Amino acid sequence: MITPNDTTIRVLLAEDQSMVREALAALLGLEPDIEVVVQVARGDEVLAAARAHAVDVALLDIEMPGCTGIEAAARLHAALPDVKLVVLTTFGRPGYLRSAMEAGADAFLVKDAPAAQLAEAVRTVLRGERVIDPALAAAALAEGANPLTDREREILREAADGRTNAELARALHLSQGTIRNYLSTAIQKLAVRNRAEAVRAAREKGWL
């Protein structure tokens, strides 16, 4: 971890697209006080990499294989609470911001923000302050809280690949009637006509 005698900020960069990851690492590497000490392409590699390289700040893309950046942030925050978390997103979905903050994120920015802004965010979170993209913050306030329960979200995620109620029931150890009830409630809450529209609407809002 960074000390008063060591002004270099050690950064972990988690991004599954290699060209984007390498570009971000190169841009941050131009900063005199920032060093990207480890890069990973999967969300489930974040915690081990952070431990192995004693990082100060983790930059986490949301969309990654293994687990999402938000899930990785939650695991990292629980295991290494001193590591500052900056969540990056391509899509400005209001629900992502709320989920990221609940997971312990210190900053939430769109991925195409200028490199100087990202570098300053790294410095700012290390000072104990939060950085949130103002447009995303305004959108999140306007959108309101996620109306879906954890179970409804779980069932919608599982239903996204077209599983039948019987398959969902087996996978989640619930009855088919219970599955139908959860799906019906989620559809009503999202004001859509069917499960496919419910999955799409929840994803667009960042609620899954």
N, C-alpha and C. Protein backbone atom coordinates (compact mmCIF):
# COMPACT_ATOMS: atom_id res chain seq x y z
N MET A 1 0.83 -1.20 0.00
CA MET A 1 0.00 0.00 0.00
C MET A 1 0.87 1.26 0.00
N ILE A 2 0.30 2.33 -0.44
CA ILE A 2 1.05 3.58 -0.55
C ILE A 2 1.37 4.13 0.84
N THR A 3 2.57 4.67 0.99
CA THR A 3 3.01 5.23 2.27
C THR A 3 3.46 6.66 2.03
N PRO A 4 3.64 7.44 3.08
CA PRO A 4 4.09 8.82 2.92
C PRO A 4 5.41 8.93 2.17
N ASN A 5 6.25 7.86 2.23
CA ASN A 5 7.54 7.90 1.56
C ASN A 5 7.50 7.31 0.15
N ASP A 6 6.36 6.89 -0.26
CA ASP A 6 6.21 6.28 -1.58
C ASP A 6 5.02 6.94 -2.25
N THR A 7 5.30 7.81 -3.21
CA THR A 7 4.22 8.59 -3.82
C THR A 7 3.62 7.92 -5.05
N THR A 8 4.09 6.74 -5.39
CA THR A 8 3.55 6.03 -6.55
C THR A 8 2.28 5.29 -6.16
N ILE A 9 1.22 5.54 -6.89
CA ILE A 9 -0.06 4.87 -6.64
C ILE A 9 -0.09 3.58 -7.45
N ARG A 10 -0.23 2.46 -6.77
CA ARG A 10 -0.22 1.15 -7.41
C ARG A 10 -1.65 0.79 -7.83
N VAL A 11 -1.83 0.56 -9.12
CA VAL A 11 -3.17 0.37 -9.68
C VAL A 11 -3.33 -1.02 -10.29
N LEU A 12 -4.48 -1.61 -10.03
CA LEU A 12 -4.92 -2.82 -10.72
C LEU A 12 -5.93 -2.41 -11.78
N LEU A 13 -5.80 -2.95 -12.98
CA LEU A 13 -6.72 -2.63 -14.07
C LEU A 13 -7.41 -3.91 -14.54
N ALA A 14 -8.73 -3.95 -14.40
CA ALA A 14 -9.52 -5.12 -14.79
C ALA A 14 -10.43 -4.75 -15.96
N GLU A 15 -10.15 -5.32 -17.12
CA GLU A 15 -10.89 -5.01 -18.35
C GLU A 15 -10.72 -6.20 -19.30
N ASP A 16 -11.82 -6.73 -19.81
CA ASP A 16 -11.71 -7.94 -20.62
C ASP A 16 -11.28 -7.67 -22.06
N GLN A 17 -11.45 -6.47 -22.57
CA GLN A 17 -11.03 -6.16 -23.94
C GLN A 17 -9.57 -5.72 -23.93
N SER A 18 -8.71 -6.54 -24.52
CA SER A 18 -7.28 -6.32 -24.40
C SER A 18 -6.83 -4.97 -24.97
N MET A 19 -7.41 -4.54 -26.08
CA MET A 19 -6.99 -3.27 -26.66
C MET A 19 -7.35 -2.10 -25.76
N VAL A 20 -8.54 -2.16 -25.18
CA VAL A 20 -8.97 -1.09 -24.27
C VAL A 20 -8.10 -1.11 -23.02
N ARG A 21 -7.86 -2.30 -22.50
CA ARG A 21 -7.06 -2.43 -21.27
C ARG A 21 -5.65 -1.89 -21.47
N GLU A 22 -5.03 -2.27 -22.59
CA GLU A 22 -3.67 -1.83 -22.85
C GLU A 22 -3.61 -0.31 -23.09
N ALA A 23 -4.64 0.22 -23.75
CA ALA A 23 -4.66 1.67 -23.99
C ALA A 23 -4.79 2.43 -22.68
N LEU A 24 -5.69 1.96 -21.79
CA LEU A 24 -5.86 2.61 -20.50
C LEU A 24 -4.58 2.52 -19.67
N ALA A 25 -3.94 1.34 -19.70
CA ALA A 25 -2.70 1.17 -18.95
C ALA A 25 -1.62 2.10 -19.47
N ALA A 26 -1.53 2.24 -20.78
CA ALA A 26 -0.51 3.12 -21.38
C ALA A 26 -0.76 4.58 -21.01
N LEU A 27 -2.03 5.00 -21.06
CA LEU A 27 -2.35 6.38 -20.74
C LEU A 27 -2.08 6.69 -19.26
N LEU A 28 -2.49 5.77 -18.38
CA LEU A 28 -2.24 5.99 -16.96
C LEU A 28 -0.74 5.94 -16.65
N GLY A 29 -0.01 5.13 -17.43
CA GLY A 29 1.42 5.02 -17.22
C GLY A 29 2.18 6.29 -17.53
N LEU A 30 1.55 7.20 -18.25
CA LEU A 30 2.18 8.49 -18.54
C LEU A 30 2.15 9.44 -17.34
N GLU A 31 1.29 9.10 -16.36
CA GLU A 31 1.21 9.93 -15.16
C GLU A 31 2.40 9.64 -14.25
N PRO A 32 3.07 10.66 -13.73
CA PRO A 32 4.30 10.44 -12.95
C PRO A 32 4.08 9.74 -11.62
N ASP A 33 2.85 9.79 -11.10
CA ASP A 33 2.59 9.23 -9.78
C ASP A 33 1.72 7.99 -9.80
N ILE A 34 1.45 7.42 -11.00
CA ILE A 34 0.57 6.26 -11.11
C ILE A 34 1.29 5.14 -11.86
N GLU A 35 1.20 3.93 -11.32
CA GLU A 35 1.78 2.76 -11.99
C GLU A 35 0.73 1.64 -12.03
N VAL A 36 0.42 1.15 -13.22
CA VAL A 36 -0.46 -0.01 -13.35
C VAL A 36 0.40 -1.24 -13.13
N VAL A 37 0.28 -1.85 -11.97
CA VAL A 37 1.18 -2.94 -11.59
C VAL A 37 0.64 -4.31 -11.98
N VAL A 38 -0.66 -4.39 -12.29
CA VAL A 38 -1.23 -5.68 -12.70
C VAL A 38 -2.48 -5.44 -13.53
N GLN A 39 -2.66 -6.28 -14.54
CA GLN A 39 -3.83 -6.22 -15.40
C GLN A 39 -4.49 -7.59 -15.42
N VAL A 40 -5.81 -7.62 -15.36
CA VAL A 40 -6.55 -8.88 -15.47
C VAL A 40 -7.69 -8.69 -16.45
N ALA A 41 -8.16 -9.82 -17.01
CA ALA A 41 -9.22 -9.77 -18.02
C ALA A 41 -10.52 -10.37 -17.51
N ARG A 42 -10.52 -10.86 -16.27
CA ARG A 42 -11.72 -11.51 -15.72
C ARG A 42 -12.03 -10.96 -14.33
N GLY A 43 -13.31 -10.87 -14.03
CA GLY A 43 -13.71 -10.37 -12.73
C GLY A 43 -13.30 -11.28 -11.60
N ASP A 44 -13.29 -12.60 -11.84
CA ASP A 44 -12.94 -13.53 -10.76
C ASP A 44 -11.44 -13.62 -10.52
N GLU A 45 -10.64 -12.85 -11.26
CA GLU A 45 -9.19 -12.80 -11.02
C GLU A 45 -8.77 -11.58 -10.20
N VAL A 46 -9.73 -10.70 -9.95
CA VAL A 46 -9.41 -9.41 -9.34
C VAL A 46 -8.85 -9.55 -7.93
N LEU A 47 -9.54 -10.29 -7.08
CA LEU A 47 -9.15 -10.35 -5.67
C LEU A 47 -7.75 -10.93 -5.49
N ALA A 48 -7.47 -12.04 -6.16
CA ALA A 48 -6.15 -12.66 -6.03
C ALA A 48 -5.06 -11.73 -6.54
N ALA A 49 -5.33 -11.04 -7.64
CA ALA A 49 -4.33 -10.12 -8.20
C ALA A 49 -4.08 -8.94 -7.27
N ALA A 50 -5.15 -8.42 -6.67
CA ALA A 50 -5.01 -7.30 -5.74
C ALA A 50 -4.18 -7.71 -4.53
N ARG A 51 -4.41 -8.91 -4.04
CA ARG A 51 -3.64 -9.40 -2.89
C ARG A 51 -2.17 -9.59 -3.26
N ALA A 52 -1.93 -10.17 -4.42
CA ALA A 52 -0.56 -10.51 -4.82
C ALA A 52 0.28 -9.27 -5.10
N HIS A 53 -0.35 -8.19 -5.53
CA HIS A 53 0.42 -7.02 -5.96
C HIS A 53 0.26 -5.81 -5.05
N ALA A 54 -0.40 -5.96 -3.91
CA ALA A 54 -0.53 -4.89 -2.91
C ALA A 54 -0.95 -3.57 -3.55
N VAL A 55 -2.08 -3.59 -4.22
CA VAL A 55 -2.51 -2.41 -4.95
C VAL A 55 -3.20 -1.40 -4.03
N ASP A 56 -3.18 -0.16 -4.46
CA ASP A 56 -3.86 0.91 -3.74
C ASP A 56 -5.24 1.19 -4.30
N VAL A 57 -5.37 1.07 -5.63
CA VAL A 57 -6.61 1.39 -6.32
C VAL A 57 -6.88 0.31 -7.37
N ALA A 58 -8.14 -0.10 -7.47
CA ALA A 58 -8.55 -1.05 -8.49
C ALA A 58 -9.52 -0.37 -9.45
N LEU A 59 -9.20 -0.41 -10.75
CA LEU A 59 -10.09 0.09 -11.79
C LEU A 59 -10.81 -1.10 -12.39
N LEU A 60 -12.14 -1.12 -12.27
CA LEU A 60 -12.91 -2.31 -12.62
C LEU A 60 -13.96 -1.99 -13.67
N ASP A 61 -13.84 -2.63 -14.83
CA ASP A 61 -14.89 -2.53 -15.83
C ASP A 61 -16.09 -3.35 -15.35
N ILE A 62 -17.30 -2.94 -15.70
CA ILE A 62 -18.47 -3.68 -15.24
C ILE A 62 -18.64 -5.00 -15.98
N GLU A 63 -18.57 -4.96 -17.31
CA GLU A 63 -18.85 -6.14 -18.12
C GLU A 63 -17.59 -6.98 -18.28
N MET A 64 -17.48 -8.06 -17.48
CA MET A 64 -16.33 -8.97 -17.58
C MET A 64 -16.79 -10.41 -17.40
N PRO A 65 -16.08 -11.36 -17.98
CA PRO A 65 -16.38 -12.77 -17.70
C PRO A 65 -15.96 -13.13 -16.29
N GLY A 66 -16.45 -14.25 -15.80
CA GLY A 66 -16.10 -14.69 -14.45
C GLY A 66 -17.03 -14.10 -13.42
N CYS A 67 -17.07 -12.80 -13.33
CA CYS A 67 -18.05 -12.07 -12.53
C CYS A 67 -17.99 -10.62 -12.97
N THR A 68 -19.02 -9.86 -12.71
CA THR A 68 -19.04 -8.46 -13.13
C THR A 68 -18.09 -7.63 -12.27
N GLY A 69 -17.81 -6.43 -12.77
CA GLY A 69 -16.98 -5.53 -12.00
C GLY A 69 -17.61 -5.15 -10.68
N ILE A 70 -18.94 -5.09 -10.65
CA ILE A 70 -19.63 -4.76 -9.40
C ILE A 70 -19.49 -5.90 -8.40
N GLU A 71 -19.63 -7.14 -8.88
CA GLU A 71 -19.43 -8.29 -7.99
C GLU A 71 -17.99 -8.36 -7.51
N ALA A 72 -17.05 -8.08 -8.41
CA ALA A 72 -15.63 -8.07 -8.02
C ALA A 72 -15.36 -6.98 -7.00
N ALA A 73 -16.01 -5.84 -7.18
CA ALA A 73 -15.84 -4.74 -6.22
C ALA A 73 -16.31 -5.15 -4.83
N ALA A 74 -17.45 -5.82 -4.77
CA ALA A 74 -17.99 -6.25 -3.48
C ALA A 74 -17.05 -7.23 -2.78
N ARG A 75 -16.50 -8.18 -3.55
CA ARG A 75 -15.56 -9.15 -2.97
C ARG A 75 -14.28 -8.47 -2.49
N LEU A 76 -13.80 -7.55 -3.30
CA LEU A 76 -12.56 -6.84 -2.95
C LEU A 76 -12.76 -5.95 -1.74
N HIS A 77 -13.91 -5.29 -1.69
CA HIS A 77 -14.20 -4.40 -0.55
C HIS A 77 -14.30 -5.19 0.74
N ALA A 78 -14.89 -6.39 0.67
CA ALA A 78 -15.03 -7.21 1.87
C ALA A 78 -13.68 -7.75 2.35
N ALA A 79 -12.83 -8.13 1.41
CA ALA A 79 -11.56 -8.76 1.77
C ALA A 79 -10.44 -7.76 2.02
N LEU A 80 -10.41 -6.68 1.22
CA LEU A 80 -9.34 -5.67 1.32
C LEU A 80 -9.96 -4.28 1.35
N PRO A 81 -10.55 -3.91 2.47
CA PRO A 81 -11.31 -2.65 2.53
C PRO A 81 -10.48 -1.39 2.31
N ASP A 82 -9.15 -1.48 2.44
CA ASP A 82 -8.31 -0.30 2.23
C ASP A 82 -8.08 0.00 0.75
N VAL A 83 -8.34 -0.97 -0.12
CA VAL A 83 -8.16 -0.75 -1.55
C VAL A 83 -9.32 0.10 -2.07
N LYS A 84 -9.00 1.18 -2.76
CA LYS A 84 -10.02 2.06 -3.31
C LYS A 84 -10.54 1.48 -4.63
N LEU A 85 -11.82 1.65 -4.88
CA LEU A 85 -12.47 1.01 -6.03
C LEU A 85 -13.05 2.04 -6.98
N VAL A 86 -12.61 1.97 -8.23
CA VAL A 86 -13.13 2.84 -9.29
C VAL A 86 -13.81 1.94 -10.31
N VAL A 87 -15.13 2.08 -10.45
CA VAL A 87 -15.89 1.26 -11.39
C VAL A 87 -16.08 2.04 -12.68
N LEU A 88 -15.78 1.38 -13.80
CA LEU A 88 -15.90 2.00 -15.11
C LEU A 88 -17.01 1.32 -15.91
N THR A 89 -17.76 2.10 -16.67
CA THR A 89 -18.84 1.52 -17.46
C THR A 89 -18.88 2.13 -18.85
N THR A 90 -19.24 1.30 -19.82
CA THR A 90 -19.48 1.79 -21.17
C THR A 90 -20.87 2.36 -21.29
N PHE A 91 -21.79 1.74 -20.52
CA PHE A 91 -23.20 2.12 -20.60
C PHE A 91 -23.61 2.91 -19.37
N GLY A 92 -24.19 4.08 -19.59
CA GLY A 92 -24.60 4.93 -18.48
C GLY A 92 -25.94 4.52 -17.90
N ARG A 93 -26.00 3.33 -17.34
CA ARG A 93 -27.25 2.82 -16.79
C ARG A 93 -27.36 3.19 -15.32
N PRO A 94 -28.44 3.89 -14.95
CA PRO A 94 -28.56 4.40 -13.58
C PRO A 94 -28.44 3.32 -12.51
N GLY A 95 -29.02 2.15 -12.77
CA GLY A 95 -28.97 1.09 -11.77
C GLY A 95 -27.58 0.62 -11.45
N TYR A 96 -26.67 0.71 -12.42
CA TYR A 96 -25.29 0.32 -12.19
C TYR A 96 -24.64 1.19 -11.11
N LEU A 97 -24.94 2.48 -11.14
CA LEU A 97 -24.36 3.39 -10.16
C LEU A 97 -24.78 3.00 -8.75
N ARG A 98 -26.06 2.78 -8.56
CA ARG A 98 -26.55 2.41 -7.23
C ARG A 98 -25.92 1.09 -6.77
N SER A 99 -25.87 0.12 -7.68
CA SER A 99 -25.29 -1.18 -7.33
C SER A 99 -23.80 -1.05 -6.99
N ALA A 100 -23.10 -0.22 -7.75
CA ALA A 100 -21.67 -0.03 -7.50
C ALA A 100 -21.42 0.60 -6.14
N MET A 101 -22.21 1.61 -5.79
CA MET A 101 -22.05 2.27 -4.50
C MET A 101 -22.35 1.29 -3.36
N GLU A 102 -23.37 0.46 -3.54
CA GLU A 102 -23.71 -0.53 -2.52
C GLU A 102 -22.61 -1.57 -2.37
N ALA A 103 -21.85 -1.80 -3.46
CA ALA A 103 -20.75 -2.77 -3.42
C ALA A 103 -19.49 -2.19 -2.80
N GLY A 104 -19.48 -0.89 -2.53
CA GLY A 104 -18.33 -0.28 -1.89
C GLY A 104 -17.47 0.57 -2.81
N ALA A 105 -17.95 0.85 -4.02
CA ALA A 105 -17.16 1.65 -4.96
C ALA A 105 -16.94 3.06 -4.43
N ASP A 106 -15.76 3.58 -4.72
CA ASP A 106 -15.42 4.95 -4.34
C ASP A 106 -15.61 5.92 -5.50
N ALA A 107 -15.65 5.39 -6.71
CA ALA A 107 -15.84 6.23 -7.90
C ALA A 107 -16.59 5.44 -8.95
N PHE A 108 -17.33 6.16 -9.77
CA PHE A 108 -18.09 5.54 -10.86
C PHE A 108 -18.02 6.48 -12.05
N LEU A 109 -17.36 6.00 -13.12
CA LEU A 109 -17.11 6.86 -14.28
C LEU A 109 -17.41 6.11 -15.57
N VAL A 110 -17.73 6.87 -16.61
CA VAL A 110 -17.88 6.25 -17.92
C VAL A 110 -16.47 5.99 -18.47
N LYS A 111 -16.36 4.89 -19.23
CA LYS A 111 -15.05 4.44 -19.68
C LYS A 111 -14.39 5.40 -20.66
N ASP A 112 -15.20 6.15 -21.41
CA ASP A 112 -14.61 7.04 -22.40
C ASP A 112 -14.28 8.43 -21.83
N ALA A 113 -14.24 8.54 -20.51
CA ALA A 113 -13.82 9.81 -19.90
C ALA A 113 -12.36 10.08 -20.27
N PRO A 114 -11.95 11.34 -20.35
CA PRO A 114 -10.55 11.65 -20.67
C PRO A 114 -9.59 11.01 -19.67
N ALA A 115 -8.42 10.64 -20.17
CA ALA A 115 -7.44 9.97 -19.31
C ALA A 115 -7.06 10.84 -18.11
N ALA A 116 -6.98 12.14 -18.31
CA ALA A 116 -6.63 13.04 -17.21
C ALA A 116 -7.69 12.99 -16.11
N GLN A 117 -8.96 12.86 -16.52
CA GLN A 117 -10.04 12.77 -15.54
C GLN A 117 -9.96 11.48 -14.76
N LEU A 118 -9.64 10.39 -15.44
CA LEU A 118 -9.51 9.10 -14.77
C LEU A 118 -8.33 9.12 -13.79
N ALA A 119 -7.22 9.70 -14.22
CA ALA A 119 -6.05 9.79 -13.34
C ALA A 119 -6.36 10.63 -12.11
N GLU A 120 -7.08 11.71 -12.29
CA GLU A 120 -7.43 12.55 -11.15
C GLU A 120 -8.39 11.83 -10.21
N ALA A 121 -9.27 11.01 -10.79
CA ALA A 121 -10.18 10.22 -9.95
C ALA A 121 -9.40 9.24 -9.08
N VAL A 122 -8.35 8.64 -9.64
CA VAL A 122 -7.50 7.73 -8.87
C VAL A 122 -6.89 8.47 -7.68
N ARG A 123 -6.40 9.66 -7.92
CA ARG A 123 -5.80 10.45 -6.83
C ARG A 123 -6.86 10.86 -5.80
N THR A 124 -8.02 11.22 -6.29
CA THR A 124 -9.08 11.72 -5.41
C THR A 124 -9.58 10.64 -4.46
N VAL A 125 -9.82 9.42 -4.98
CA VAL A 125 -10.33 8.36 -4.11
C VAL A 125 -9.28 7.97 -3.08
N LEU A 126 -8.01 8.11 -3.43
CA LEU A 126 -6.96 7.77 -2.47
C LEU A 126 -6.93 8.77 -1.32
N ARG A 127 -7.47 9.96 -1.56
CA ARG A 127 -7.58 10.96 -0.48
C ARG A 127 -8.83 10.74 0.36
N GLY A 128 -9.61 9.72 0.03
CA GLY A 128 -10.80 9.42 0.80
C GLY A 128 -12.06 10.08 0.30
N GLU A 129 -12.01 10.65 -0.91
CA GLU A 129 -13.18 11.31 -1.48
C GLU A 129 -13.82 10.42 -2.55
N ARG A 130 -15.07 10.72 -2.87
CA ARG A 130 -15.79 9.97 -3.90
C ARG A 130 -15.84 10.77 -5.19
N VAL A 131 -15.87 10.05 -6.31
CA VAL A 131 -15.98 10.68 -7.62
C VAL A 131 -17.10 9.97 -8.39
N ILE A 132 -18.11 10.72 -8.78
CA ILE A 132 -19.24 10.14 -9.51
C ILE A 132 -19.53 11.00 -10.73
N ASP A 133 -19.65 10.36 -11.88
CA ASP A 133 -20.00 11.09 -13.09
C ASP A 133 -21.32 11.83 -12.85
N PRO A 134 -21.34 13.15 -13.00
CA PRO A 134 -22.54 13.93 -12.65
C PRO A 134 -23.77 13.56 -13.47
N ALA A 135 -23.59 13.22 -14.74
CA ALA A 135 -24.74 12.85 -15.56
C ALA A 135 -25.35 11.54 -15.08
N LEU A 136 -24.50 10.59 -14.71
CA LEU A 136 -25.00 9.32 -14.20
C LEU A 136 -25.67 9.50 -12.84
N ALA A 137 -25.12 10.37 -12.02
CA ALA A 137 -25.73 10.63 -10.72
C ALA A 137 -27.13 11.21 -10.88
N ALA A 138 -27.27 12.16 -11.79
CA ALA A 138 -28.58 12.77 -12.03
C ALA A 138 -29.57 11.74 -12.57
N ALA A 139 -29.10 10.88 -13.47
CA ALA A 139 -29.98 9.85 -14.04
C ALA A 139 -30.41 8.85 -12.98
N ALA A 140 -29.50 8.50 -12.08
CA ALA A 140 -29.83 7.54 -11.02
C ALA A 140 -30.87 8.11 -10.07
N LEU A 141 -30.75 9.39 -9.75
CA LEU A 141 -31.74 10.03 -8.87
C LEU A 141 -33.11 10.08 -9.54
N ALA A 142 -33.11 10.35 -10.83
CA ALA A 142 -34.38 10.43 -11.56
C ALA A 142 -35.03 9.05 -11.69
N GLU A 143 -34.22 8.03 -11.82
CA GLU A 143 -34.74 6.67 -12.04
C GLU A 143 -35.34 6.08 -10.77
N GLY A 144 -34.76 6.39 -9.64
CA GLY A 144 -35.24 5.81 -8.39
C GLY A 144 -34.59 4.47 -8.11
N ALA A 145 -35.03 3.85 -7.04
CA ALA A 145 -34.44 2.59 -6.59
C ALA A 145 -34.89 1.42 -7.45
N ASN A 146 -34.08 0.38 -7.46
CA ASN A 146 -34.42 -0.87 -8.15
C ASN A 146 -35.63 -1.50 -7.46
N PRO A 147 -36.75 -1.71 -8.17
CA PRO A 147 -37.93 -2.28 -7.52
C PRO A 147 -37.88 -3.79 -7.37
N LEU A 148 -36.91 -4.44 -8.02
CA LEU A 148 -36.84 -5.89 -8.02
C LEU A 148 -36.16 -6.41 -6.75
N THR A 149 -36.69 -7.50 -6.22
CA THR A 149 -36.04 -8.15 -5.09
C THR A 149 -34.85 -8.95 -5.58
N ASP A 150 -34.00 -9.38 -4.65
CA ASP A 150 -32.84 -10.19 -5.03
C ASP A 150 -33.27 -11.46 -5.75
N ARG A 151 -34.34 -12.09 -5.27
CA ARG A 151 -34.82 -13.34 -5.90
C ARG A 151 -35.37 -13.08 -7.29
N GLU A 152 -36.09 -11.98 -7.46
CA GLU A 152 -36.61 -11.65 -8.79
C GLU A 152 -35.48 -11.39 -9.77
N ARG A 153 -34.46 -10.71 -9.31
CA ARG A 153 -33.30 -10.45 -10.17
C ARG A 153 -32.61 -11.76 -10.52
N GLU A 154 -32.46 -12.65 -9.55
CA GLU A 154 -31.81 -13.93 -9.80
C GLU A 154 -32.57 -14.72 -10.86
N ILE A 155 -33.89 -14.75 -10.74
CA ILE A 155 -34.70 -15.53 -11.68
C ILE A 155 -34.66 -14.90 -13.07
N LEU A 156 -34.69 -13.59 -13.15
CA LEU A 156 -34.60 -12.94 -14.47
C LEU A 156 -33.25 -13.21 -15.12
N ARG A 157 -32.18 -13.18 -14.33
CA ARG A 157 -30.85 -13.49 -14.89
C ARG A 157 -30.82 -14.91 -15.44
N GLU A 158 -31.39 -15.83 -14.68
CA GLU A 158 -31.40 -17.22 -15.11
C GLU A 158 -32.31 -17.43 -16.32
N ALA A 159 -33.36 -16.61 -16.42
CA ALA A 159 -34.32 -16.73 -17.53
C ALA A 159 -33.81 -16.09 -18.81
N ALA A 160 -32.73 -15.33 -18.71
CA ALA A 160 -32.25 -14.56 -19.86
C ALA A 160 -31.83 -15.44 -21.03
N ASP A 161 -31.41 -16.67 -20.75
CA ASP A 161 -30.96 -17.54 -21.84
C ASP A 161 -32.07 -18.44 -22.38
N GLY A 162 -33.32 -18.12 -22.02
CA GLY A 162 -34.46 -18.83 -22.59
C GLY A 162 -34.87 -20.09 -21.86
N ARG A 163 -34.45 -20.30 -20.64
CA ARG A 163 -34.85 -21.49 -19.90
C ARG A 163 -36.35 -21.51 -19.64
N THR A 164 -36.90 -22.70 -19.63
CA THR A 164 -38.32 -22.87 -19.31
C THR A 164 -38.51 -22.75 -17.80
N ASN A 165 -39.78 -22.64 -17.39
CA ASN A 165 -40.07 -22.60 -15.95
C ASN A 165 -39.58 -23.86 -15.25
N ALA A 166 -39.74 -24.99 -15.92
CA ALA A 166 -39.30 -26.26 -15.32
C ALA A 166 -37.78 -26.26 -15.12
N GLU A 167 -37.05 -25.75 -16.11
CA GLU A 167 -35.59 -25.69 -15.99
C GLU A 167 -35.17 -24.71 -14.91
N LEU A 168 -35.86 -23.58 -14.82
CA LEU A 168 -35.57 -22.61 -13.77
C LEU A 168 -35.84 -23.20 -12.40
N ALA A 169 -36.94 -23.92 -12.29
CA ALA A 169 -37.31 -24.52 -11.00
C ALA A 169 -36.23 -25.50 -10.54
N ARG A 170 -35.75 -26.32 -11.47
CA ARG A 170 -34.70 -27.30 -11.12
C ARG A 170 -33.41 -26.59 -10.73
N ALA A 171 -33.03 -25.57 -11.49
CA ALA A 171 -31.77 -24.88 -11.24
C ALA A 171 -31.78 -24.14 -9.91
N LEU A 172 -32.93 -23.59 -9.54
CA LEU A 172 -33.02 -22.76 -8.35
C LEU A 172 -33.68 -23.47 -7.16
N HIS A 173 -34.02 -24.73 -7.35
CA HIS A 173 -34.62 -25.53 -6.28
C HIS A 173 -35.92 -24.91 -5.75
N LEU A 174 -36.75 -24.46 -6.70
CA LEU A 174 -38.06 -23.90 -6.38
C LEU A 174 -39.11 -24.64 -7.18
N SER A 175 -40.37 -24.46 -6.79
CA SER A 175 -41.44 -25.07 -7.57
C SER A 175 -41.72 -24.22 -8.81
N GLN A 176 -42.34 -24.85 -9.82
CA GLN A 176 -42.68 -24.10 -11.03
C GLN A 176 -43.68 -22.99 -10.73
N GLY A 177 -44.58 -23.25 -9.79
CA GLY A 177 -45.55 -22.22 -9.40
C GLY A 177 -44.86 -21.00 -8.79
N THR A 178 -43.86 -21.26 -7.97
CA THR A 178 -43.11 -20.15 -7.36
C THR A 178 -42.37 -19.35 -8.42
N ILE A 179 -41.78 -20.06 -9.38
CA ILE A 179 -41.09 -19.39 -10.48
C ILE A 179 -42.07 -18.50 -11.24
N ARG A 180 -43.24 -19.02 -11.56
CA ARG A 180 -44.25 -18.25 -12.29
C ARG A 180 -44.65 -17.00 -11.50
N ASN A 181 -44.81 -17.15 -10.19
CA ASN A 181 -45.22 -16.01 -9.37
C ASN A 181 -44.14 -14.92 -9.36
N TYR A 182 -42.88 -15.33 -9.21
CA TYR A 182 -41.80 -14.34 -9.22
C TYR A 182 -41.71 -13.62 -10.56
N LEU A 183 -41.81 -14.39 -11.65
CA LEU A 183 -41.73 -13.78 -12.97
C LEU A 183 -42.90 -12.83 -13.21
N SER A 184 -44.09 -13.24 -12.78
CA SER A 184 -45.27 -12.39 -12.95
C SER A 184 -45.12 -11.09 -12.19
N THR A 185 -44.61 -11.17 -10.97
CA THR A 185 -44.41 -9.96 -10.16
C THR A 185 -43.38 -9.04 -10.80
N ALA A 186 -42.29 -9.62 -11.29
CA ALA A 186 -41.25 -8.81 -11.94
C ALA A 186 -41.79 -8.13 -13.19
N ILE A 187 -42.58 -8.85 -13.96
CA ILE A 187 -43.17 -8.29 -15.18
C ILE A 187 -44.09 -7.12 -14.84
N GLN A 188 -44.86 -7.26 -13.78
CA GLN A 188 -45.76 -6.19 -13.36
C GLN A 188 -44.96 -4.97 -12.89
N LYS A 189 -43.94 -5.19 -12.11
CA LYS A 189 -43.13 -4.08 -11.60
C LYS A 189 -42.48 -3.29 -12.73
N LEU A 190 -42.07 -4.00 -13.77
CA LEU A 190 -41.37 -3.35 -14.88
C LEU A 190 -42.31 -2.85 -15.96
N ALA A 191 -43.60 -3.10 -15.78
CA ALA A 191 -44.62 -2.63 -16.72
C ALA A 191 -44.35 -3.10 -18.14
N VAL A 192 -44.05 -4.40 -18.26
CA VAL A 192 -43.81 -4.99 -19.58
C VAL A 192 -44.77 -6.17 -19.78
N ARG A 193 -44.67 -6.80 -20.95
CA ARG A 193 -45.67 -7.82 -21.30
C ARG A 193 -45.22 -9.25 -21.03
N ASN A 194 -43.93 -9.51 -21.02
CA ASN A 194 -43.47 -10.88 -20.88
C ASN A 194 -42.07 -10.91 -20.28
N ARG A 195 -41.57 -12.13 -20.07
CA ARG A 195 -40.27 -12.26 -19.39
C ARG A 195 -39.11 -11.71 -20.24
N ALA A 196 -39.19 -11.89 -21.55
CA ALA A 196 -38.12 -11.38 -22.41
C ALA A 196 -38.03 -9.86 -22.30
N GLU A 197 -39.18 -9.19 -22.29
CA GLU A 197 -39.18 -7.74 -22.15
C GLU A 197 -38.71 -7.34 -20.75
N ALA A 198 -39.05 -8.16 -19.75
CA ALA A 198 -38.62 -7.87 -18.39
C ALA A 198 -37.11 -7.93 -18.27
N VAL A 199 -36.50 -8.96 -18.88
CA VAL A 199 -35.04 -9.09 -18.86
C VAL A 199 -34.40 -7.89 -19.56
N ARG A 200 -34.94 -7.52 -20.72
CA ARG A 200 -34.38 -6.41 -21.48
C ARG A 200 -34.50 -5.10 -20.71
N ALA A 201 -35.68 -4.86 -20.13
CA ALA A 201 -35.90 -3.61 -19.40
C ALA A 201 -34.99 -3.51 -18.18
N ALA A 202 -34.86 -4.62 -17.45
CA ALA A 202 -34.01 -4.61 -16.25
C ALA A 202 -32.55 -4.40 -16.61
N ARG A 203 -32.12 -4.99 -17.72
CA ARG A 203 -30.72 -4.81 -18.15
C ARG A 203 -30.47 -3.37 -18.58
N GLU A 204 -31.42 -2.81 -19.31
CA GLU A 204 -31.24 -1.44 -19.79
C GLU A 204 -31.12 -0.44 -18.64
N LYS A 205 -31.76 -0.76 -17.54
CA LYS A 205 -31.71 0.14 -16.38
C LYS A 205 -30.54 -0.19 -15.44
N GLY A 206 -29.83 -1.28 -15.77
CA GLY A 206 -28.71 -1.68 -14.90
C GLY A 206 -29.15 -2.36 -13.63
N TRP A 207 -30.32 -3.01 -13.66
CA TRP A 207 -30.85 -3.64 -12.46
C TRP A 207 -30.54 -5.12 -12.36
N LEU A 208 -29.89 -5.69 -13.35
CA LEU A 208 -29.51 -7.10 -13.28
C LEU A 208 -27.99 -7.22 -13.10
